[in-house]
């Protein structure tokens, strides 16, 4: 691309500059009257939706629905939104899967490189800041509307005091540690309401739940979110598709088999 040396494009964003040079088509025209045929349909990125995490008696439970959408179209119903980064760390994703999965791969390689070169695990603070930097570096794509990722990060800190740690982020990379629970994605308002209620007025606080009780709460929360948010998969009863659930504890990461999740669902939810 030959650039005009006398052109000062500081006031233009990248899409505007590309259109000026004839390398990008005109922006989509929003149809003021639905169905009138005036809208030029543009590219819509595939998006992931609702994830949640909370501390219980056995560590941190992290769950995510399986649906990926593009606009109002269901693209895939078995998306993996709960990703293992190392032996004690999980990144759950809401946003654009392509960007999120690439971040997870970079994060995994960074942790491996540190462990092999320094002969020790990276500190929890280092892991949290590494993900924050990836989100910050991605903010340019967020501003263009093609790469937003809003993750949850769960890990187990064995030094100096063994405990589960849970963080959520915004799209600019700011991190926030939570004491009890976190949820993000399009269905998260309903999920946060359920977790708040269960933690304060349920039979017992979230941190005192057994594994089966925690799984039951996660399934109910995602199923409720799916009732009002079409982008959240929840539990597909006809297809027998259940959310992906992993647990982080001092022993490592455990992925709950579908048979166990199905059994808890049929016993306490369905």
C-alpha atoms as a PDB file:
ATOM      1  CA  UNK A   1       0.000   0.000   0.000  1.00  0.00           C
ATOM      2  CA  UNK A   2       1.511   3.310  -1.121  1.00  0.00           C
ATOM      3  CA  UNK A   3       0.906   6.032   1.448  1.00  0.00           C
ATOM      4  CA  UNK A   4       0.705   9.733   0.671  1.00  0.00           C
ATOM      5  CA  UNK A   5       3.743  11.248   2.382  1.00  0.00           C
ATOM      6  CA  UNK A   6       1.873  14.512   2.874  1.00  0.00           C
ATOM      7  CA  UNK A   7      -1.143  12.827   4.430  1.00  0.00           C
ATOM      8  CA  UNK A   8      -1.513  13.209   8.200  1.00  0.00           C
ATOM      9  CA  UNK A   9      -3.979  10.481   9.153  1.00  0.00           C
ATOM     10  CA  UNK A  10      -3.707  10.765  12.901  1.00  0.00           C
ATOM     11  CA  UNK A  11      -7.382  11.657  13.156  1.00  0.00           C
ATOM     12  CA  UNK A  12      -8.508   8.573  11.182  1.00  0.00           C
ATOM     13  CA  UNK A  13      -8.854   5.034  12.463  1.00  0.00           C
ATOM     14  CA  UNK A  14      -7.508   2.027  10.536  1.00  0.00           C
ATOM     15  CA  UNK A  15     -10.767   1.127   8.711  1.00  0.00           C
ATOM     16  CA  UNK A  16     -11.101   4.749   7.496  1.00  0.00           C
ATOM     17  CA  UNK A  17      -7.521   4.732   6.207  1.00  0.00           C
ATOM     18  CA  UNK A  18      -8.052   1.418   4.393  1.00  0.00           C
ATOM     19  CA  UNK A  19     -11.257   2.709   2.781  1.00  0.00           C
ATOM     20  CA  UNK A  20      -9.407   5.859   1.683  1.00  0.00           C
ATOM     21  CA  UNK A  21      -6.889   3.651  -0.140  1.00  0.00           C
ATOM     22  CA  UNK A  22      -9.580   1.463  -1.667  1.00  0.00           C
ATOM     23  CA  UNK A  23      -8.616  -1.624   0.372  1.00  0.00           C
ATOM     24  CA  UNK A  24     -11.838  -1.909   2.371  1.00  0.00           C
ATOM     25  CA  UNK A  25     -15.458  -1.658   1.299  1.00  0.00           C
ATOM     26  CA  UNK A  26     -17.926   0.880   2.667  1.00  0.00           C
ATOM     27  CA  UNK A  27     -19.362   0.304   6.155  1.00  0.00           C
ATOM     28  CA  UNK A  28     -22.654  -1.536   6.491  1.00  0.00           C
ATOM     29  CA  UNK A  29     -25.736   0.649   6.224  1.00  0.00           C
ATOM     30  CA  UNK A  30     -28.066   0.192   9.156  1.00  0.00           C
ATOM     31  CA  UNK A  31     -31.567  -0.622   7.950  1.00  0.00           C
ATOM     32  CA  UNK A  32     -33.902   1.921   9.589  1.00  0.00           C
ATOM     33  CA  UNK A  33     -36.890  -0.282   8.708  1.00  0.00           C
ATOM     34  CA  UNK A  34     -36.335  -3.977   9.453  1.00  0.00           C
ATOM     35  CA  UNK A  35     -37.157  -6.089   6.425  1.00  0.00           C
ATOM     36  CA  UNK A  36     -37.121  -3.146   3.972  1.00  0.00           C
ATOM     37  CA  UNK A  37     -34.043  -4.549   2.219  1.00  0.00           C
ATOM     38  CA  UNK A  38     -31.817  -1.504   2.767  1.00  0.00           C
ATOM     39  CA  UNK A  39     -29.329  -3.160   5.088  1.00  0.00           C
ATOM     40  CA  UNK A  40     -25.974  -4.324   3.729  1.00  0.00           C
ATOM     41  CA  UNK A  41     -25.109  -7.234   5.973  1.00  0.00           C
ATOM     42  CA  UNK A  42     -21.537  -7.018   7.216  1.00  0.00           C
ATOM     43  CA  UNK A  43     -19.264  -9.619   8.766  1.00  0.00           C
ATOM     44  CA  UNK A  44     -20.250 -10.669  12.276  1.00  0.00           C
ATOM     45  CA  UNK A  45     -17.639 -12.380  14.477  1.00  0.00           C
ATOM     46  CA  UNK A  46     -18.467 -15.605  16.254  1.00  0.00           C
ATOM     47  CA  UNK A  47     -19.095 -14.907  19.925  1.00  0.00           C
ATOM     48  CA  UNK A  48     -19.074 -16.978  23.097  1.00  0.00           C
ATOM     49  CA  UNK A  49     -21.432 -16.138  25.953  1.00  0.00           C
ATOM     50  CA  UNK A  50     -21.990 -17.040  29.598  1.00  0.00           C
ATOM     51  CA  UNK A  51     -19.349 -18.250  32.065  1.00  0.00           C
ATOM     52  CA  UNK A  52     -19.305 -18.358  35.865  1.00  0.00           C
ATOM     53  CA  UNK A  53     -17.005 -19.350  38.705  1.00  0.00           C
ATOM     54  CA  UNK A  54     -17.357 -19.531  42.470  1.00  0.00           C
ATOM     55  CA  UNK A  55     -15.492 -20.863  45.460  1.00  0.00           C
ATOM     56  CA  UNK A  56     -16.904 -23.898  47.269  1.00  0.00           C
ATOM     57  CA  UNK A  57     -15.618 -26.335  49.866  1.00  0.00           C
ATOM     58  CA  UNK A  58     -13.481 -28.211  47.314  1.00  0.00           C
ATOM     59  CA  UNK A  59     -11.822 -25.236  45.593  1.00  0.00           C
ATOM     60  CA  UNK A  60     -13.122 -23.172  42.656  1.00  0.00           C
ATOM     61  CA  UNK A  61     -15.812 -24.412  40.292  1.00  0.00           C
ATOM     62  CA  UNK A  62     -15.650 -22.920  36.787  1.00  0.00           C
ATOM     63  CA  UNK A  63     -18.485 -23.529  34.327  1.00  0.00           C
ATOM     64  CA  UNK A  64     -19.409 -22.334  30.860  1.00  0.00           C
ATOM     65  CA  UNK A  65     -22.232 -22.981  28.446  1.00  0.00           C
ATOM     66  CA  UNK A  66     -21.367 -24.574  25.101  1.00  0.00           C
ATOM     67  CA  UNK A  67     -23.109 -22.291  22.590  1.00  0.00           C
ATOM     68  CA  UNK A  68     -21.244 -20.051  20.135  1.00  0.00           C
ATOM     69  CA  UNK A  69     -23.232 -17.539  18.093  1.00  0.00           C
ATOM     70  CA  UNK A  70     -22.740 -15.116  15.220  1.00  0.00           C
ATOM     71  CA  UNK A  71     -25.329 -12.388  15.511  1.00  0.00           C
ATOM     72  CA  UNK A  72     -28.554 -14.286  16.148  1.00  0.00           C
ATOM     73  CA  UNK A  73     -27.322 -17.469  14.454  1.00  0.00           C
ATOM     74  CA  UNK A  74     -26.181 -20.483  16.487  1.00  0.00           C
ATOM     75  CA  UNK A  75     -22.861 -21.528  14.950  1.00  0.00           C
ATOM     76  CA  UNK A  76     -21.819 -24.334  17.289  1.00  0.00           C
ATOM     77  CA  UNK A  77     -23.273 -26.034  20.349  1.00  0.00           C
ATOM     78  CA  UNK A  78     -20.166 -27.710  21.782  1.00  0.00           C
ATOM     79  CA  UNK A  79     -17.733 -24.823  22.174  1.00  0.00           C
ATOM     80  CA  UNK A  80     -15.106 -25.159  24.906  1.00  0.00           C
ATOM     81  CA  UNK A  81     -15.081 -21.953  26.950  1.00  0.00           C
ATOM     82  CA  UNK A  82     -13.284 -23.306  30.047  1.00  0.00           C
ATOM     83  CA  UNK A  83      -9.602 -23.708  29.145  1.00  0.00           C
ATOM     84  CA  UNK A  84      -6.789 -25.248  31.189  1.00  0.00           C
ATOM     85  CA  UNK A  85      -3.676 -23.051  31.146  1.00  0.00           C
ATOM     86  CA  UNK A  86      -1.418 -25.014  33.490  1.00  0.00           C
ATOM     87  CA  UNK A  87      -1.754 -27.575  36.274  1.00  0.00           C
ATOM     88  CA  UNK A  88      -3.537 -25.160  38.622  1.00  0.00           C
ATOM     89  CA  UNK A  89      -4.943 -22.414  36.371  1.00  0.00           C
ATOM     90  CA  UNK A  90      -8.109 -22.071  34.302  1.00  0.00           C
ATOM     91  CA  UNK A  91      -9.151 -19.305  31.919  1.00  0.00           C
ATOM     92  CA  UNK A  92     -12.867 -19.158  31.097  1.00  0.00           C
ATOM     93  CA  UNK A  93     -13.788 -17.035  28.096  1.00  0.00           C
ATOM     94  CA  UNK A  94     -16.650 -14.796  27.030  1.00  0.00           C
ATOM     95  CA  UNK A  95     -16.299 -12.852  23.807  1.00  0.00           C
ATOM     96  CA  UNK A  96     -14.727 -13.759  20.466  1.00  0.00           C
ATOM     97  CA  UNK A  97     -13.430 -17.373  20.635  1.00  0.00           C
ATOM     98  CA  UNK A  98     -10.664 -16.966  18.028  1.00  0.00           C
ATOM     99  CA  UNK A  99      -9.066 -14.151  20.029  1.00  0.00           C
ATOM    100  CA  UNK A 100      -9.669 -15.848  23.382  1.00  0.00           C
ATOM    101  CA  UNK A 101      -8.212 -19.197  22.300  1.00  0.00           C
ATOM    102  CA  UNK A 102      -5.112 -17.457  20.932  1.00  0.00           C
ATOM    103  CA  UNK A 103      -4.701 -15.627  24.256  1.00  0.00           C
ATOM    104  CA  UNK A 104      -4.993 -18.949  26.071  1.00  0.00           C
ATOM    105  CA  UNK A 105      -2.271 -20.493  23.881  1.00  0.00           C
ATOM    106  CA  UNK A 106       0.060 -17.543  24.438  1.00  0.00           C
ATOM    107  CA  UNK A 107      -0.606 -17.662  28.177  1.00  0.00           C
ATOM    108  CA  UNK A 108       0.034 -21.412  28.330  1.00  0.00           C
ATOM    109  CA  UNK A 109       3.364 -21.082  26.498  1.00  0.00           C
ATOM    110  CA  UNK A 110       4.385 -18.151  28.725  1.00  0.00           C
ATOM    111  CA  UNK A 111       3.760 -20.172  31.892  1.00  0.00           C
ATOM    112  CA  UNK A 112       5.640 -23.188  30.461  1.00  0.00           C
ATOM    113  CA  UNK A 113       8.598 -21.048  29.395  1.00  0.00           C
ATOM    114  CA  UNK A 114       8.841 -19.445  32.837  1.00  0.00           C
ATOM    115  CA  UNK A 115       8.646 -22.828  34.575  1.00  0.00           C
ATOM    116  CA  UNK A 116      11.331 -24.386  32.401  1.00  0.00           C
ATOM    117  CA  UNK A 117      13.728 -21.440  32.486  1.00  0.00           C
ATOM    118  CA  UNK A 118      13.295 -20.439  36.143  1.00  0.00           C
ATOM    119  CA  UNK A 119      12.718 -23.993  37.455  1.00  0.00           C
ATOM    120  CA  UNK A 120       9.698 -22.830  39.406  1.00  0.00           C
ATOM    121  CA  UNK A 121       6.079 -21.885  38.878  1.00  0.00           C
ATOM    122  CA  UNK A 122       5.214 -18.308  38.015  1.00  0.00           C
ATOM    123  CA  UNK A 123       3.600 -16.499  40.947  1.00  0.00           C
ATOM    124  CA  UNK A 124      -0.154 -15.953  40.926  1.00  0.00           C
ATOM    125  CA  UNK A 125       0.386 -12.197  40.639  1.00  0.00           C
ATOM    126  CA  UNK A 126       2.602 -12.791  37.605  1.00  0.00           C
ATOM    127  CA  UNK A 127      -0.028 -15.006  35.960  1.00  0.00           C
ATOM    128  CA  UNK A 128      -2.768 -12.464  36.591  1.00  0.00           C
ATOM    129  CA  UNK A 129      -0.704  -9.621  35.138  1.00  0.00           C
ATOM    130  CA  UNK A 130       0.271 -11.711  32.091  1.00  0.00           C
ATOM    131  CA  UNK A 131      -3.397 -12.130  31.144  1.00  0.00           C
ATOM    132  CA  UNK A 132      -4.029  -8.455  31.867  1.00  0.00           C
ATOM    133  CA  UNK A 133      -1.261  -7.489  29.409  1.00  0.00           C
ATOM    134  CA  UNK A 134      -2.734  -9.690  26.663  1.00  0.00           C
ATOM    135  CA  UNK A 135      -6.097  -7.984  27.088  1.00  0.00           C
ATOM    136  CA  UNK A 136      -4.470  -4.552  27.045  1.00  0.00           C
ATOM    137  CA  UNK A 137      -2.542  -5.387  23.874  1.00  0.00           C
ATOM    138  CA  UNK A 138      -5.803  -6.548  22.262  1.00  0.00           C
ATOM    139  CA  UNK A 139      -7.673  -3.316  22.983  1.00  0.00           C
ATOM    140  CA  UNK A 140      -7.081  -1.974  19.472  1.00  0.00           C
ATOM    141  CA  UNK A 141      -9.173  -4.816  18.058  1.00  0.00           C
ATOM    142  CA  UNK A 142     -11.798  -4.207  20.737  1.00  0.00           C
ATOM    143  CA  UNK A 143     -12.148  -0.618  19.543  1.00  0.00           C
ATOM    144  CA  UNK A 144     -12.681  -1.927  16.007  1.00  0.00           C
ATOM    145  CA  UNK A 145     -15.405  -4.243  17.278  1.00  0.00           C
ATOM    146  CA  UNK A 146     -13.780  -7.498  16.167  1.00  0.00           C
ATOM    147  CA  UNK A 147     -11.917  -8.955  19.148  1.00  0.00           C
ATOM    148  CA  UNK A 148     -13.475  -8.345  22.565  1.00  0.00           C
ATOM    149  CA  UNK A 149     -12.652 -10.916  25.265  1.00  0.00           C
ATOM    150  CA  UNK A 150     -13.817 -10.687  28.886  1.00  0.00           C
ATOM    151  CA  UNK A 151     -12.369 -13.678  30.787  1.00  0.00           C
ATOM    152  CA  UNK A 152     -12.436 -15.185  34.243  1.00  0.00           C
ATOM    153  CA  UNK A 153      -9.197 -16.560  35.691  1.00  0.00           C
ATOM    154  CA  UNK A 154      -9.173 -19.163  38.469  1.00  0.00           C
ATOM    155  CA  UNK A 155      -6.062 -20.627  40.078  1.00  0.00           C
ATOM    156  CA  UNK A 156      -4.742 -22.184  43.267  1.00  0.00           C
ATOM    157  CA  UNK A 157      -2.068 -20.357  45.216  1.00  0.00           C
ATOM    158  CA  UNK A 158       0.066 -22.641  47.394  1.00  0.00           C
ATOM    159  CA  UNK A 159       2.448 -19.945  48.646  1.00  0.00           C
ATOM    160  CA  UNK A 160       2.496 -18.556  51.271  1.00  0.00           C
ATOM    161  CA  UNK A 161      -1.016 -19.598  52.330  1.00  0.00           C
ATOM    162  CA  UNK A 162      -2.724 -22.361  50.306  1.00  0.00           C
ATOM    163  CA  UNK A 163      -5.965 -20.943  48.908  1.00  0.00           C
ATOM    164  CA  UNK A 164      -8.068 -20.712  45.770  1.00  0.00           C
ATOM    165  CA  UNK A 165      -7.911 -17.388  43.900  1.00  0.00           C
ATOM    166  CA  UNK A 166     -10.512 -16.016  41.512  1.00  0.00           C
ATOM    167  CA  UNK A 167     -10.314 -12.978  39.188  1.00  0.00           C
ATOM    168  CA  UNK A 168     -12.427 -11.328  36.528  1.00  0.00           C
ATOM    169  CA  UNK A 169     -11.336  -8.731  33.952  1.00  0.00           C
ATOM    170  CA  UNK A 170     -12.720  -5.981  31.783  1.00  0.00           C
ATOM    171  CA  UNK A 171     -11.916  -5.624  28.071  1.00  0.00           C
ATOM    172  CA  UNK A 172      -9.060  -3.172  28.799  1.00  0.00           C
ATOM    173  CA  UNK A 173      -7.222  -5.622  31.072  1.00  0.00           C
ATOM    174  CA  UNK A 174      -8.154  -4.323  34.516  1.00  0.00           C
ATOM    175  CA  UNK A 175      -8.242  -7.231  36.954  1.00  0.00           C
ATOM    176  CA  UNK A 176     -10.435  -7.656  40.015  1.00  0.00           C
ATOM    177  CA  UNK A 177     -10.043 -10.373  42.623  1.00  0.00           C
ATOM    178  CA  UNK A 178     -13.292 -11.658  44.085  1.00  0.00           C
ATOM    179  CA  UNK A 179     -13.868 -13.459  47.358  1.00  0.00           C
ATOM    180  CA  UNK A 180     -16.877 -15.584  46.413  1.00  0.00           C
ATOM    181  CA  UNK A 181     -18.042 -15.642  42.791  1.00  0.00           C
ATOM    182  CA  UNK A 182     -17.762 -14.079  39.328  1.00  0.00           C
ATOM    183  CA  UNK A 183     -19.768 -14.232  36.101  1.00  0.00           C
ATOM    184  CA  UNK A 184     -19.399 -12.583  32.714  1.00  0.00           C
ATOM    185  CA  UNK A 185     -20.910 -12.758  29.248  1.00  0.00           C
ATOM    186  CA  UNK A 186     -24.322 -11.900  27.846  1.00  0.00           C
ATOM    187  CA  UNK A 187     -26.189 -14.058  30.364  1.00  0.00           C
ATOM    188  CA  UNK A 188     -24.174 -12.961  33.398  1.00  0.00           C
ATOM    189  CA  UNK A 189     -26.737 -10.571  34.991  1.00  0.00           C
ATOM    190  CA  UNK A 190     -29.098 -13.469  35.712  1.00  0.00           C
ATOM    191  CA  UNK A 191     -26.211 -15.658  36.908  1.00  0.00           C
ATOM    192  CA  UNK A 192     -24.881 -13.018  39.301  1.00  0.00           C
ATOM    193  CA  UNK A 193     -28.345 -12.595  40.773  1.00  0.00           C
ATOM    194  CA  UNK A 194     -28.663 -16.328  41.422  1.00  0.00           C
ATOM    195  CA  UNK A 195     -25.198 -16.635  42.947  1.00  0.00           C
ATOM    196  CA  UNK A 196     -25.804 -13.593  45.166  1.00  0.00           C
ATOM    197  CA  UNK A 197     -29.081 -15.074  46.394  1.00  0.00           C
ATOM    198  CA  UNK A 198     -27.589 -18.515  47.058  1.00  0.00           C
ATOM    199  CA  UNK A 199     -24.567 -17.044  48.835  1.00  0.00           C
ATOM    200  CA  UNK A 200     -26.611 -14.835  51.150  1.00  0.00           C
ATOM    201  CA  UNK A 201     -29.983 -16.534  51.575  1.00  0.00           C
ATOM    202  CA  UNK A 202     -29.531 -20.071  50.322  1.00  0.00           C
ATOM    203  CA  UNK A 203     -29.382 -23.156  52.524  1.00  0.00           C
ATOM    204  CA  UNK A 204     -25.649 -22.518  53.010  1.00  0.00           C
ATOM    205  CA  UNK A 205     -22.999 -20.075  51.675  1.00  0.00           C
ATOM    206  CA  UNK A 206     -21.275 -21.011  48.428  1.00  0.00           C
ATOM    207  CA  UNK A 207     -17.979 -21.741  50.188  1.00  0.00           C
ATOM    208  CA  UNK A 208     -19.658 -24.472  52.288  1.00  0.00           C
ATOM    209  CA  UNK A 209     -21.270 -26.345  49.387  1.00  0.00           C
ATOM    210  CA  UNK A 210     -20.285 -29.903  48.564  1.00  0.00           C
ATOM    211  CA  UNK A 211     -19.223 -30.759  45.023  1.00  0.00           C
ATOM    212  CA  UNK A 212     -22.661 -32.050  43.976  1.00  0.00           C
ATOM    213  CA  UNK A 213     -24.372 -29.022  45.516  1.00  0.00           C
ATOM    214  CA  UNK A 214     -21.986 -26.673  43.712  1.00  0.00           C
ATOM    215  CA  UNK A 215     -22.584 -28.426  40.376  1.00  0.00           C
ATOM    216  CA  UNK A 216     -26.337 -28.167  40.918  1.00  0.00           C
ATOM    217  CA  UNK A 217     -26.121 -24.397  41.545  1.00  0.00           C
ATOM    218  CA  UNK A 218     -23.982 -23.905  38.404  1.00  0.00           C
ATOM    219  CA  UNK A 219     -26.427 -25.874  36.247  1.00  0.00           C
ATOM    220  CA  UNK A 220     -29.416 -23.961  37.600  1.00  0.00           C
ATOM    221  CA  UNK A 221     -27.689 -20.629  37.022  1.00  0.00           C
ATOM    222  CA  UNK A 222     -26.751 -21.381  33.402  1.00  0.00           C
ATOM    223  CA  UNK A 223     -30.166 -22.882  32.655  1.00  0.00           C
ATOM    224  CA  UNK A 224     -31.857 -19.766  34.058  1.00  0.00           C
ATOM    225  CA  UNK A 225     -29.584 -17.481  32.006  1.00  0.00           C
ATOM    226  CA  UNK A 226     -30.466 -19.450  28.858  1.00  0.00           C
ATOM    227  CA  UNK A 227     -34.167 -18.833  29.513  1.00  0.00           C
ATOM    228  CA  UNK A 228     -33.806 -15.084  28.911  1.00  0.00           C
ATOM    229  CA  UNK A 229     -30.611 -14.911  26.816  1.00  0.00           C
ATOM    230  CA  UNK A 230     -30.767 -16.671  23.453  1.00  0.00           C
ATOM    231  CA  UNK A 231     -26.970 -16.604  23.123  1.00  0.00           C
ATOM    232  CA  UNK A 232     -26.555 -18.831  26.187  1.00  0.00           C
ATOM    233  CA  UNK A 233     -26.855 -22.552  25.603  1.00  0.00           C
ATOM    234  CA  UNK A 234     -27.726 -23.668  29.130  1.00  0.00           C
ATOM    235  CA  UNK A 235     -28.670 -27.359  29.168  1.00  0.00           C
ATOM    236  CA  UNK A 236     -29.844 -28.855  25.858  1.00  0.00           C
ATOM    237  CA  UNK A 237     -32.292 -31.488  27.071  1.00  0.00           C
ATOM    238  CA  UNK A 238     -33.058 -32.942  23.653  1.00  0.00           C
ATOM    239  CA  UNK A 239     -29.435 -33.052  22.495  1.00  0.00           C
ATOM    240  CA  UNK A 240     -28.172 -33.992  25.961  1.00  0.00           C
ATOM    241  CA  UNK A 241     -25.526 -31.264  25.841  1.00  0.00           C
ATOM    242  CA  UNK A 242     -24.390 -30.073  29.263  1.00  0.00           C
ATOM    243  CA  UNK A 243     -22.187 -27.147  30.334  1.00  0.00           C
ATOM    244  CA  UNK A 244     -18.470 -27.765  30.694  1.00  0.00           C
ATOM    245  CA  UNK A 245     -17.474 -27.785  34.365  1.00  0.00           C
ATOM    246  CA  UNK A 246     -13.959 -27.891  35.816  1.00  0.00           C
ATOM    247  CA  UNK A 247     -12.738 -27.668  39.413  1.00  0.00           C
ATOM    248  CA  UNK A 248      -9.458 -26.110  40.570  1.00  0.00           C
ATOM    249  CA  UNK A 249      -8.063 -27.342  43.877  1.00  0.00           C
ATOM    250  CA  UNK A 250      -4.760 -28.021  45.603  1.00  0.00           C
ATOM    251  CA  UNK A 251      -4.561 -31.356  43.772  1.00  0.00           C
ATOM    252  CA  UNK A 252      -4.869 -29.722  40.352  1.00  0.00           C
ATOM    253  CA  UNK A 253      -7.685 -29.442  37.822  1.00  0.00           C
ATOM    254  CA  UNK A 254     -10.543 -31.907  37.546  1.00  0.00           C
ATOM    255  CA  UNK A 255     -12.855 -32.003  34.539  1.00  0.00           C
ATOM    256  CA  UNK A 256     -16.228 -33.387  35.547  1.00  0.00           C
ATOM    257  CA  UNK A 257     -17.462 -36.103  33.155  1.00  0.00           C
ATOM    258  CA  UNK A 258     -20.778 -35.562  31.362  1.00  0.00           C
ATOM    259  CA  UNK A 259     -22.212 -38.637  33.084  1.00  0.00           C
ATOM    260  CA  UNK A 260     -21.758 -37.038  36.509  1.00  0.00           C
ATOM    261  CA  UNK A 261     -23.126 -33.664  35.374  1.00  0.00           C
ATOM    262  CA  UNK A 262     -26.119 -35.401  33.795  1.00  0.00           C
ATOM    263  CA  UNK A 263     -26.786 -37.368  36.978  1.00  0.00           C
ATOM    264  CA  UNK A 264     -26.722 -34.213  39.140  1.00  0.00           C
ATOM    265  CA  UNK A 265     -28.938 -32.409  36.624  1.00  0.00           C
ATOM    266  CA  UNK A 266     -31.567 -35.153  36.569  1.00  0.00           C
ATOM    267  CA  UNK A 267     -31.536 -35.466  40.351  1.00  0.00           C
ATOM    268  CA  UNK A 268     -31.642 -31.792  41.398  1.00  0.00           C
ATOM    269  CA  UNK A 269     -32.593 -29.621  38.402  1.00  0.00           C
ATOM    270  CA  UNK A 270     -34.698 -31.365  35.753  1.00  0.00           C
END
